[in-house]
Amino acid sequence: MTVLVIGATGKQGGATARALLERGVAVRALVRDASSDAARALRERGAELVRGDLDDPASLLAAADALTAT
């Protein structure tokens, strides 16, 4: 199972992503800037980063659609 975490570099999303990763759950982290320190830290913990923005519905659909392929 892979969980899509929206806002994964924010406070709530980041805490959620880290907690899931610590429990061995695969995380797809939706981030605006994959080069940010917070995004890189999630990648180092094992999260898959996908770029997206809440103001861009197509990016959200693309991130979620990819889940059905995993």
Protein backbone atom coordinates (compact mmCIF):
# COMPACT_ATOMS: atom_id res chain seq x y z
CA MET A 1 0.00 0.00 0.00
CA THR A 2 1.20 3.50 -0.85
CA VAL A 3 -0.25 6.58 0.83
CA LEU A 4 -0.32 9.95 -0.90
CA VAL A 5 0.46 12.70 1.59
CA ILE A 6 -0.53 16.16 0.41
CA GLY A 7 1.42 19.03 1.89
CA ALA A 8 4.16 16.65 2.94
CA THR A 9 6.67 19.40 3.68
CA GLY A 10 4.30 21.28 5.98
CA LYS A 11 3.78 20.71 9.69
CA GLN A 12 0.80 18.34 9.59
CA GLY A 13 1.65 16.65 6.31
CA GLY A 14 5.30 16.29 7.29
CA ALA A 15 4.42 14.72 10.62
CA THR A 16 2.04 12.35 8.88
CA ALA A 17 4.59 11.37 6.24
CA ARG A 18 7.31 10.75 8.83
CA ALA A 19 4.99 8.68 11.03
CA LEU A 20 3.94 6.52 8.09
CA LEU A 21 7.53 6.02 6.95
CA GLU A 22 8.58 5.05 10.48
CA ARG A 23 5.90 2.35 10.39
CA GLY A 24 7.12 1.00 7.07
CA VAL A 25 4.31 2.42 4.94
CA ALA A 26 5.25 3.55 1.45
CA VAL A 27 4.71 7.30 1.07
CA ARG A 28 4.23 9.35 -2.06
CA ALA A 29 4.84 12.91 -0.90
CA LEU A 30 3.19 15.72 -2.84
CA VAL A 31 5.53 18.72 -2.73
CA ARG A 32 5.72 22.04 -4.54
CA ASP A 33 9.52 22.19 -4.46
CA ALA A 34 11.36 18.88 -4.58
CA SER A 35 14.66 20.65 -3.94
CA SER A 36 13.62 22.11 -0.57
CA ASP A 37 15.34 20.88 2.58
CA ALA A 38 12.11 19.37 3.87
CA ALA A 39 11.46 17.51 0.61
CA ARG A 40 15.02 16.19 0.46
CA ALA A 41 14.73 14.99 4.07
CA LEU A 42 11.58 13.04 3.20
CA ARG A 43 13.30 11.50 0.17
CA GLU A 44 16.20 10.44 2.37
CA ARG A 45 13.72 8.72 4.69
CA GLY A 46 12.33 6.78 1.74
CA ALA A 47 9.43 8.84 0.46
CA GLU A 48 8.74 9.11 -3.25
CA LEU A 49 8.44 12.79 -4.16
CA VAL A 50 5.91 14.03 -6.70
CA ARG A 51 5.55 17.65 -7.67
CA GLY A 52 2.15 19.20 -7.37
CA ASP A 53 0.20 22.18 -6.18
CA LEU A 54 -3.26 22.45 -4.66
CA ASP A 55 -4.01 25.19 -7.18
CA ASP A 56 -3.28 22.76 -10.04
CA PRO A 57 -5.96 20.04 -10.10
CA ALA A 58 -4.18 18.17 -12.91
CA SER A 59 -1.09 17.71 -10.72
CA LEU A 60 -3.24 16.28 -7.92
CA LEU A 61 -4.96 13.87 -10.28
CA ALA A 62 -1.63 12.77 -11.71
CA ALA A 63 -0.24 12.09 -8.23
CA ALA A 64 -3.33 10.10 -7.24
CA ASP A 65 -3.64 8.25 -10.56
CA ALA A 66 -0.11 6.97 -10.18
CA LEU A 67 -1.21 5.24 -6.97
CA THR A 68 -3.41 2.85 -8.90
CA ALA A 69 -0.36 1.68 -10.83
CA THR A 70 1.57 0.75 -7.67
